[in-house]
PDB file of all heavy atoms in Angstrom:
ATOM      1  N   GLU A   1     -27.988  24.865 112.671  1.00  0.00           N
ATOM      2  CA  GLU A   1     -28.238  25.658 113.802  1.00  0.00           C
ATOM      3  C   GLU A   1     -27.417  26.947 113.865  1.00  0.00           C
ATOM      4  O   GLU A   1     -26.236  26.862 113.540  1.00  0.00           O
ATOM      5  CB  GLU A   1     -28.016  24.850 115.024  1.00  0.00           C
ATOM      6  CG  GLU A   1     -28.940  23.641 115.236  1.00  0.00           C
ATOM      7  CD  GLU A   1     -28.860  22.938 116.595  1.00  0.00           C
ATOM      8  OE1 GLU A   1     -28.234  23.484 117.416  1.00  0.00           O
ATOM      9  OE2 GLU A   1     -29.467  21.851 116.703  1.00  0.00           O
ATOM     10  N   SER A   2     -27.987  27.966 114.417  1.00  0.00           N
ATOM     11  CA  SER A   2     -27.352  29.232 114.479  1.00  0.00           C
ATOM     12  C   SER A   2     -26.361  29.322 115.711  1.00  0.00           C
ATOM     13  O   SER A   2     -25.474  30.159 115.718  1.00  0.00           O
ATOM     14  CB  SER A   2     -28.275  30.343 114.466  1.00  0.00           C
ATOM     15  OG  SER A   2     -29.146  30.304 115.580  1.00  0.00           O
ATOM     16  N   ASN A   3     -26.629  28.532 116.726  1.00  0.00           N
ATOM     17  CA  ASN A   3     -25.802  28.663 117.940  1.00  0.00           C
ATOM     18  C   ASN A   3     -24.320  28.242 117.659  1.00  0.00           C
ATOM     19  O   ASN A   3     -23.478  28.519 118.573  1.00  0.00           O
ATOM     20  CB  ASN A   3     -26.381  27.904 119.077  1.00  0.00           C
ATOM     21  CG  ASN A   3     -26.344  26.417 118.880  1.00  0.00           C
ATOM     22  OD1 ASN A   3     -26.174  25.899 117.720  1.00  0.00           O
ATOM     23  ND2 ASN A   3     -26.487  25.651 119.969  1.00  0.00           N
ATOM     24  N   LEU A   4     -23.986  27.729 116.468  1.00  0.00           N
ATOM     25  CA  LEU A   4     -22.674  27.333 116.194  1.00  0.00           C
ATOM     26  C   LEU A   4     -21.726  28.559 116.036  1.00  0.00           C
ATOM     27  O   LEU A   4     -20.488  28.399 116.072  1.00  0.00           O
ATOM     28  CB  LEU A   4     -22.568  26.502 114.947  1.00  0.00           C
ATOM     29  CG  LEU A   4     -23.203  25.063 115.098  1.00  0.00           C
ATOM     30  CD1 LEU A   4     -23.046  24.327 113.722  1.00  0.00           C
ATOM     31  CD2 LEU A   4     -22.544  24.266 116.149  1.00  0.00           C
ATOM     32  N   ARG A   5     -22.311  29.735 116.064  1.00  0.00           N
ATOM     33  CA  ARG A   5     -21.513  30.939 115.926  1.00  0.00           C
ATOM     34  C   ARG A   5     -20.555  31.136 117.065  1.00  0.00           C
ATOM     35  O   ARG A   5     -19.575  31.840 116.944  1.00  0.00           O
ATOM     36  CB  ARG A   5     -22.389  32.172 115.737  1.00  0.00           C
ATOM     37  CG  ARG A   5     -23.258  32.487 116.905  1.00  0.00           C
ATOM     38  CD  ARG A   5     -24.184  33.646 116.609  1.00  0.00           C
ATOM     39  NE  ARG A   5     -25.167  33.308 115.536  1.00  0.00           N
ATOM     40  CZ  ARG A   5     -25.885  34.166 114.893  1.00  0.00           C
ATOM     41  NH1 ARG A   5     -25.747  35.449 115.124  1.00  0.00           N
ATOM     42  NH2 ARG A   5     -26.694  33.826 113.919  1.00  0.00           N
ATOM     43  N   ILE A   6     -20.858  30.497 118.174  1.00  0.00           N
ATOM     44  CA  ILE A   6     -19.999  30.636 119.345  1.00  0.00           C
ATOM     45  C   ILE A   6     -18.821  29.660 119.295  1.00  0.00           C
ATOM     46  O   ILE A   6     -17.920  29.734 120.126  1.00  0.00           O
ATOM     47  CB  ILE A   6     -20.832  30.524 120.670  1.00  0.00           C
ATOM     48  CG1 ILE A   6     -21.218  29.052 120.733  1.00  0.00           C
ATOM     49  CG2 ILE A   6     -21.882  31.492 120.772  1.00  0.00           C
ATOM     50  CD1 ILE A   6     -21.888  28.721 122.173  1.00  0.00           C
ATOM     51  N   TYR A   7     -18.848  28.767 118.382  1.00  0.00           N
ATOM     52  CA  TYR A   7     -17.826  27.688 118.341  1.00  0.00           C
ATOM     53  C   TYR A   7     -16.648  27.999 117.293  1.00  0.00           C
ATOM     54  O   TYR A   7     -16.952  28.643 116.286  1.00  0.00           O
ATOM     55  CB  TYR A   7     -18.393  26.335 117.955  1.00  0.00           C
ATOM     56  CG  TYR A   7     -19.307  25.798 119.058  1.00  0.00           C
ATOM     57  CD1 TYR A   7     -20.663  25.853 118.924  1.00  0.00           C
ATOM     58  CD2 TYR A   7     -18.760  25.259 120.178  1.00  0.00           C
ATOM     59  CE1 TYR A   7     -21.569  25.309 119.880  1.00  0.00           C
ATOM     60  CE2 TYR A   7     -19.581  24.661 121.151  1.00  0.00           C
ATOM     61  CZ  TYR A   7     -20.925  24.751 121.026  1.00  0.00           C
ATOM     62  OH  TYR A   7     -21.759  24.283 122.040  1.00  0.00           O
ATOM     63  N   THR A   8     -15.572  27.460 117.472  1.00  0.00           N
ATOM     64  CA  THR A   8     -14.555  27.403 116.485  1.00  0.00           C
ATOM     65  C   THR A   8     -15.000  26.326 115.465  1.00  0.00           C
ATOM     66  O   THR A   8     -15.413  25.240 115.856  1.00  0.00           O
ATOM     67  CB  THR A   8     -13.165  26.977 117.032  1.00  0.00           C
ATOM     68  OG1 THR A   8     -12.726  28.049 117.945  1.00  0.00           O
ATOM     69  CG2 THR A   8     -12.133  26.757 115.979  1.00  0.00           C
ATOM     70  N   MET A   9     -14.865  26.653 114.179  1.00  0.00           N
ATOM     71  CA  MET A   9     -15.373  25.776 113.131  1.00  0.00           C
ATOM     72  C   MET A   9     -14.075  25.407 112.343  1.00  0.00           C
ATOM     73  O   MET A   9     -13.086  26.183 112.184  1.00  0.00           O
ATOM     74  CB  MET A   9     -16.397  26.465 112.195  1.00  0.00           C
ATOM     75  CG  MET A   9     -17.633  26.726 112.832  1.00  0.00           C
ATOM     76  SD  MET A   9     -18.583  25.240 113.389  1.00  0.00           S
ATOM     77  CE  MET A   9     -18.808  24.457 111.824  1.00  0.00           C
ATOM     78  N   GLY A  10     -14.177  24.167 111.760  1.00  0.00           N
ATOM     79  CA  GLY A  10     -12.982  23.675 110.981  1.00  0.00           C
ATOM     80  C   GLY A  10     -13.392  23.071 109.699  1.00  0.00           C
ATOM     81  O   GLY A  10     -14.524  22.507 109.581  1.00  0.00           O
ATOM     82  N   TRP A  11     -12.497  23.099 108.726  1.00  0.00           N
ATOM     83  CA  TRP A  11     -12.646  22.333 107.517  1.00  0.00           C
ATOM     84  C   TRP A  11     -11.620  21.246 107.620  1.00  0.00           C
ATOM     85  O   TRP A  11     -10.335  21.425 107.987  1.00  0.00           O
ATOM     86  CB  TRP A  11     -12.289  23.189 106.242  1.00  0.00           C
ATOM     87  CG  TRP A  11     -13.411  23.949 105.747  1.00  0.00           C
ATOM     88  CD1 TRP A  11     -13.761  25.203 105.948  1.00  0.00           C
ATOM     89  CD2 TRP A  11     -14.555  23.477 104.964  1.00  0.00           C
ATOM     90  NE1 TRP A  11     -14.820  25.573 105.309  1.00  0.00           N
ATOM     91  CE2 TRP A  11     -15.416  24.530 104.689  1.00  0.00           C
ATOM     92  CE3 TRP A  11     -14.813  22.196 104.380  1.00  0.00           C
ATOM     93  CZ2 TRP A  11     -16.545  24.327 103.960  1.00  0.00           C
ATOM     94  CZ3 TRP A  11     -15.943  22.056 103.665  1.00  0.00           C
ATOM     95  CH2 TRP A  11     -16.805  23.114 103.412  1.00  0.00           C
ATOM     96  N   TYR A  12     -12.105  19.990 107.309  1.00  0.00           N
ATOM     97  CA  TYR A  12     -11.260  18.818 107.426  1.00  0.00           C
ATOM     98  C   TYR A  12     -11.299  18.109 106.104  1.00  0.00           C
ATOM     99  O   TYR A  12     -12.130  18.403 105.238  1.00  0.00           O
ATOM    100  CB  TYR A  12     -11.845  17.883 108.443  1.00  0.00           C
ATOM    101  CG  TYR A  12     -12.082  18.330 109.796  1.00  0.00           C
ATOM    102  CD1 TYR A  12     -13.034  19.211 110.138  1.00  0.00           C
ATOM    103  CD2 TYR A  12     -11.206  17.941 110.841  1.00  0.00           C
ATOM    104  CE1 TYR A  12     -13.332  19.681 111.476  1.00  0.00           C
ATOM    105  CE2 TYR A  12     -11.382  18.361 112.132  1.00  0.00           C
ATOM    106  CZ  TYR A  12     -12.420  19.185 112.427  1.00  0.00           C
ATOM    107  OH  TYR A  12     -12.661  19.675 113.716  1.00  0.00           O
ATOM    108  N   ARG A  13     -10.309  17.295 105.831  1.00  0.00           N
ATOM    109  CA  ARG A  13     -10.298  16.484 104.548  1.00  0.00           C
ATOM    110  C   ARG A  13      -9.830  15.103 104.850  1.00  0.00           C
ATOM    111  O   ARG A  13      -9.033  14.881 105.771  1.00  0.00           O
ATOM    112  CB  ARG A  13      -9.509  17.211 103.495  1.00  0.00           C
ATOM    113  CG  ARG A  13      -7.951  17.230 103.760  1.00  0.00           C
ATOM    114  CD  ARG A  13      -7.296  17.984 102.644  1.00  0.00           C
ATOM    115  NE  ARG A  13      -5.837  17.968 102.833  1.00  0.00           N
ATOM    116  CZ  ARG A  13      -5.012  18.741 102.159  1.00  0.00           C
ATOM    117  NH1 ARG A  13      -5.500  19.510 101.131  1.00  0.00           N
ATOM    118  NH2 ARG A  13      -3.690  18.742 102.290  1.00  0.00           N
ATOM    119  N   GLN A  14     -10.251  14.187 103.975  1.00  0.00           N
ATOM    120  CA  GLN A  14      -9.863  12.762 104.061  1.00  0.00           C
ATOM    121  C   GLN A  14      -9.572  12.235 102.731  1.00  0.00           C
ATOM    122  O   GLN A  14     -10.518  12.166 101.875  1.00  0.00           O
ATOM    123  CB  GLN A  14     -10.873  11.968 104.851  1.00  0.00           C
ATOM    124  CG  GLN A  14     -10.393  10.512 105.115  1.00  0.00           C
ATOM    125  CD  GLN A  14     -11.352   9.834 106.067  1.00  0.00           C
ATOM    126  OE1 GLN A  14     -12.590  10.109 106.251  1.00  0.00           O
ATOM    127  NE2 GLN A  14     -10.811   8.727 106.747  1.00  0.00           N
ATOM    128  N   ALA A  15      -8.367  11.895 102.479  1.00  0.00           N
ATOM    129  CA  ALA A  15      -7.962  11.272 101.204  1.00  0.00           C
ATOM    130  C   ALA A  15      -8.133   9.768 101.318  1.00  0.00           C
ATOM    131  O   ALA A  15      -8.097   9.226 102.411  1.00  0.00           O
ATOM    132  CB  ALA A  15      -6.549  11.702 100.828  1.00  0.00           C
ATOM    133  N   PRO A  16      -8.351   9.104 100.189  1.00  0.00           N
ATOM    134  CA  PRO A  16      -8.354   7.617 100.353  1.00  0.00           C
ATOM    135  C   PRO A  16      -7.228   6.914 100.976  1.00  0.00           C
ATOM    136  O   PRO A  16      -6.088   7.270 100.684  1.00  0.00           O
ATOM    137  CB  PRO A  16      -8.418   7.205  98.870  1.00  0.00           C
ATOM    138  CG  PRO A  16      -9.041   8.365  98.089  1.00  0.00           C
ATOM    139  CD  PRO A  16      -8.434   9.496  98.845  1.00  0.00           C
ATOM    140  N   GLY A  17      -7.494   6.097 102.036  1.00  0.00           N
ATOM    141  CA  GLY A  17      -6.512   5.379 102.643  1.00  0.00           C
ATOM    142  C   GLY A  17      -5.779   6.169 103.739  1.00  0.00           C
ATOM    143  O   GLY A  17      -4.868   5.700 104.367  1.00  0.00           O
ATOM    144  N   LYS A  18      -6.276   7.427 103.992  1.00  0.00           N
ATOM    145  CA  LYS A  18      -5.637   8.274 104.912  1.00  0.00           C
ATOM    146  C   LYS A  18      -6.576   8.689 106.040  1.00  0.00           C
ATOM    147  O   LYS A  18      -7.849   8.660 105.864  1.00  0.00           O
ATOM    148  CB  LYS A  18      -5.041   9.517 104.304  1.00  0.00           C
ATOM    149  CG  LYS A  18      -3.864   9.235 103.378  1.00  0.00           C
ATOM    150  CD  LYS A  18      -3.242  10.484 102.935  1.00  0.00           C
ATOM    151  CE  LYS A  18      -2.026  10.145 101.954  1.00  0.00           C
ATOM    152  NZ  LYS A  18      -1.356  11.422 101.431  1.00  0.00           N
ATOM    153  N   GLU A  19      -6.147   9.130 107.155  1.00  0.00           N
ATOM    154  CA  GLU A  19      -7.007   9.598 108.231  1.00  0.00           C
ATOM    155  C   GLU A  19      -7.451  11.026 107.950  1.00  0.00           C
ATOM    156  O   GLU A  19      -6.897  11.799 107.173  1.00  0.00           O
ATOM    157  CB  GLU A  19      -6.202   9.702 109.555  1.00  0.00           C
ATOM    158  CG  GLU A  19      -5.911   8.293 110.047  1.00  0.00           C
ATOM    159  CD  GLU A  19      -5.213   8.297 111.436  1.00  0.00           C
ATOM    160  OE1 GLU A  19      -5.034   9.431 111.931  1.00  0.00           O
ATOM    161  OE2 GLU A  19      -4.995   7.257 112.049  1.00  0.00           O
ATOM    162  N   ARG A  20      -8.584  11.380 108.505  1.00  0.00           N
ATOM    163  CA  ARG A  20      -9.148  12.704 108.363  1.00  0.00           C
ATOM    164  C   ARG A  20      -8.241  13.678 109.021  1.00  0.00           C
ATOM    165  O   ARG A  20      -7.765  13.409 110.170  1.00  0.00           O
ATOM    166  CB  ARG A  20     -10.617  12.797 108.977  1.00  0.00           C
ATOM    167  CG  ARG A  20     -11.335  13.975 108.465  1.00  0.00           C
ATOM    168  CD  ARG A  20     -12.718  14.026 109.078  1.00  0.00           C
ATOM    169  NE  ARG A  20     -13.329  12.752 109.297  1.00  0.00           N
ATOM    170  CZ  ARG A  20     -14.489  12.304 108.750  1.00  0.00           C
ATOM    171  NH1 ARG A  20     -14.965  13.096 107.761  1.00  0.00           N
ATOM    172  NH2 ARG A  20     -15.007  11.165 108.982  1.00  0.00           N
ATOM    173  N   GLU A  21      -7.952  14.879 108.378  1.00  0.00           N
ATOM    174  CA  GLU A  21      -7.104  15.809 108.942  1.00  0.00           C
ATOM    175  C   GLU A  21      -7.748  17.195 108.875  1.00  0.00           C
ATOM    176  O   GLU A  21      -8.543  17.508 107.974  1.00  0.00           O
ATOM    177  CB  GLU A  21      -5.707  15.890 108.202  1.00  0.00           C
ATOM    178  CG  GLU A  21      -5.866  16.256 106.732  1.00  0.00           C
ATOM    179  CD  GLU A  21      -4.569  16.508 106.036  1.00  0.00           C
ATOM    180  OE1 GLU A  21      -3.541  16.605 106.833  1.00  0.00           O
ATOM    181  OE2 GLU A  21      -4.524  16.609 104.805  1.00  0.00           O
ATOM    182  N   LEU A  22      -7.372  18.029 109.885  1.00  0.00           N
ATOM    183  CA  LEU A  22      -7.847  19.413 109.932  1.00  0.00           C
ATOM    184  C   LEU A  22      -6.951  20.207 109.006  1.00  0.00           C
ATOM    185  O   LEU A  22      -5.736  20.253 109.115  1.00  0.00           O
ATOM    186  CB  LEU A  22      -7.760  19.956 111.355  1.00  0.00           C
ATOM    187  CG  LEU A  22      -8.155  21.376 111.632  1.00  0.00           C
ATOM    188  CD1 LEU A  22      -9.652  21.544 111.430  1.00  0.00           C
ATOM    189  CD2 LEU A  22      -7.715  21.880 112.984  1.00  0.00           C
ATOM    190  N   VAL A  23      -7.572  21.017 108.147  1.00  0.00           N
ATOM    191  CA  VAL A  23      -6.783  21.867 107.181  1.00  0.00           C
ATOM    192  C   VAL A  23      -6.966  23.342 107.604  1.00  0.00           C
ATOM    193  O   VAL A  23      -6.029  24.086 107.313  1.00  0.00           O
ATOM    194  CB  VAL A  23      -7.170  21.659 105.782  1.00  0.00           C
ATOM    195  CG1 VAL A  23      -6.883  20.262 105.337  1.00  0.00           C
ATOM    196  CG2 VAL A  23      -8.639  21.870 105.483  1.00  0.00           C
ATOM    197  N   ALA A  24      -8.027  23.754 108.217  1.00  0.00           N
ATOM    198  CA  ALA A  24      -8.201  25.180 108.524  1.00  0.00           C
ATOM    199  C   ALA A  24      -9.228  25.289 109.616  1.00  0.00           C
ATOM    200  O   ALA A  24     -10.157  24.486 109.722  1.00  0.00           O
ATOM    201  CB  ALA A  24      -8.645  26.024 107.270  1.00  0.00           C
ATOM    202  N   ARG A  25      -9.126  26.313 110.464  1.00  0.00           N
ATOM    203  CA  ARG A  25     -10.102  26.557 111.502  1.00  0.00           C
ATOM    204  C   ARG A  25     -10.281  28.038 111.640  1.00  0.00           C
ATOM    205  O   ARG A  25      -9.399  28.883 111.377  1.00  0.00           O
ATOM    206  CB  ARG A  25      -9.687  25.928 112.874  1.00  0.00           C
ATOM    207  CG  ARG A  25      -8.400  26.446 113.440  1.00  0.00           C
ATOM    208  CD  ARG A  25      -8.027  25.827 114.772  1.00  0.00           C
ATOM    209  NE  ARG A  25      -6.853  26.283 115.322  1.00  0.00           N
ATOM    210  CZ  ARG A  25      -6.341  25.868 116.461  1.00  0.00           C
ATOM    211  NH1 ARG A  25      -6.994  24.891 117.099  1.00  0.00           N
ATOM    212  NH2 ARG A  25      -5.228  26.362 116.938  1.00  0.00           N
ATOM    213  N   ILE A  26     -11.484  28.404 112.121  1.00  0.00           N
ATOM    214  CA  ILE A  26     -11.763  29.696 112.419  1.00  0.00           C
ATOM    215  C   ILE A  26     -12.563  29.905 113.601  1.00  0.00           C
ATOM    216  O   ILE A  26     -13.480  29.209 113.917  1.00  0.00           O
ATOM    217  CB  ILE A  26     -12.595  30.334 111.218  1.00  0.00           C
ATOM    218  CG1 ILE A  26     -12.844  31.884 111.428  1.00  0.00           C
ATOM    219  CG2 ILE A  26     -13.874  29.559 110.953  1.00  0.00           C
ATOM    220  CD1 ILE A  26     -13.392  32.541 110.124  1.00  0.00           C
ATOM    221  N   THR A  27     -12.138  30.839 114.574  1.00  0.00           N
ATOM    222  CA  THR A  27     -12.735  30.996 115.841  1.00  0.00           C
ATOM    223  C   THR A  27     -14.022  31.779 115.704  1.00  0.00           C
ATOM    224  O   THR A  27     -14.308  32.354 114.617  1.00  0.00           O
ATOM    225  CB  THR A  27     -11.756  31.629 116.803  1.00  0.00           C
ATOM    226  OG1 THR A  27     -11.589  33.057 116.449  1.00  0.00           O
ATOM    227  CG2 THR A  27     -10.406  30.890 116.915  1.00  0.00           C
ATOM    228  N   SER A  28     -14.735  31.951 116.820  1.00  0.00           N
ATOM    229  CA  SER A  28     -15.935  32.764 116.769  1.00  0.00           C
ATOM    230  C   SER A  28     -15.632  34.228 116.588  1.00  0.00           C
ATOM    231  O   SER A  28     -16.394  34.983 115.982  1.00  0.00           O
ATOM    232  CB  SER A  28     -16.626  32.660 118.257  1.00  0.00           C
ATOM    233  OG  SER A  28     -15.788  33.049 119.239  1.00  0.00           O
ATOM    234  N   GLY A  29     -14.330  34.667 116.930  1.00  0.00           N
ATOM    235  CA  GLY A  29     -13.863  35.990 116.634  1.00  0.00           C
ATOM    236  C   GLY A  29     -13.205  36.121 115.332  1.00  0.00           C
ATOM    237  O   GLY A  29     -12.650  37.134 115.059  1.00  0.00           O
ATOM    238  N   LYS A  30     -13.235  35.057 114.460  1.00  0.00           N
ATOM    239  CA  LYS A  30     -12.696  35.026 113.136  1.00  0.00           C
ATOM    240  C   LYS A  30     -11.194  35.008 113.032  1.00  0.00           C
ATOM    241  O   LYS A  30     -10.721  35.397 112.015  1.00  0.00           O
ATOM    242  CB  LYS A  30     -13.411  36.143 112.297  1.00  0.00           C
ATOM    243  CG  LYS A  30     -14.918  36.059 112.210  1.00  0.00           C
ATOM    244  CD  LYS A  30     -15.487  36.952 111.215  1.00  0.00           C
ATOM    245  CE  LYS A  30     -17.019  36.767 111.106  1.00  0.00           C
ATOM    246  NZ  LYS A  30     -17.724  37.657 110.158  1.00  0.00           N
ATOM    247  N   SER A  31     -10.549  34.569 114.085  1.00  0.00           N
ATOM    248  CA  SER A  31      -9.120  34.272 113.960  1.00  0.00           C
ATOM    249  C   SER A  31      -9.029  33.039 113.206  1.00  0.00           C
ATOM    250  O   SER A  31      -9.814  32.054 113.493  1.00  0.00           O
ATOM    251  CB  SER A  31      -8.454  34.217 115.343  1.00  0.00           C
ATOM    252  OG  SER A  31      -8.538  35.403 115.998  1.00  0.00           O
TER     253      SER A  31
END
């Protein structure tokens, strides 16, 4: 969907046996 452009988006990762963690995020203004 294209309306996600208004949201902060994140990349997450999960290694075996570990919880999912946020590694990077970008706001709608690209911060």
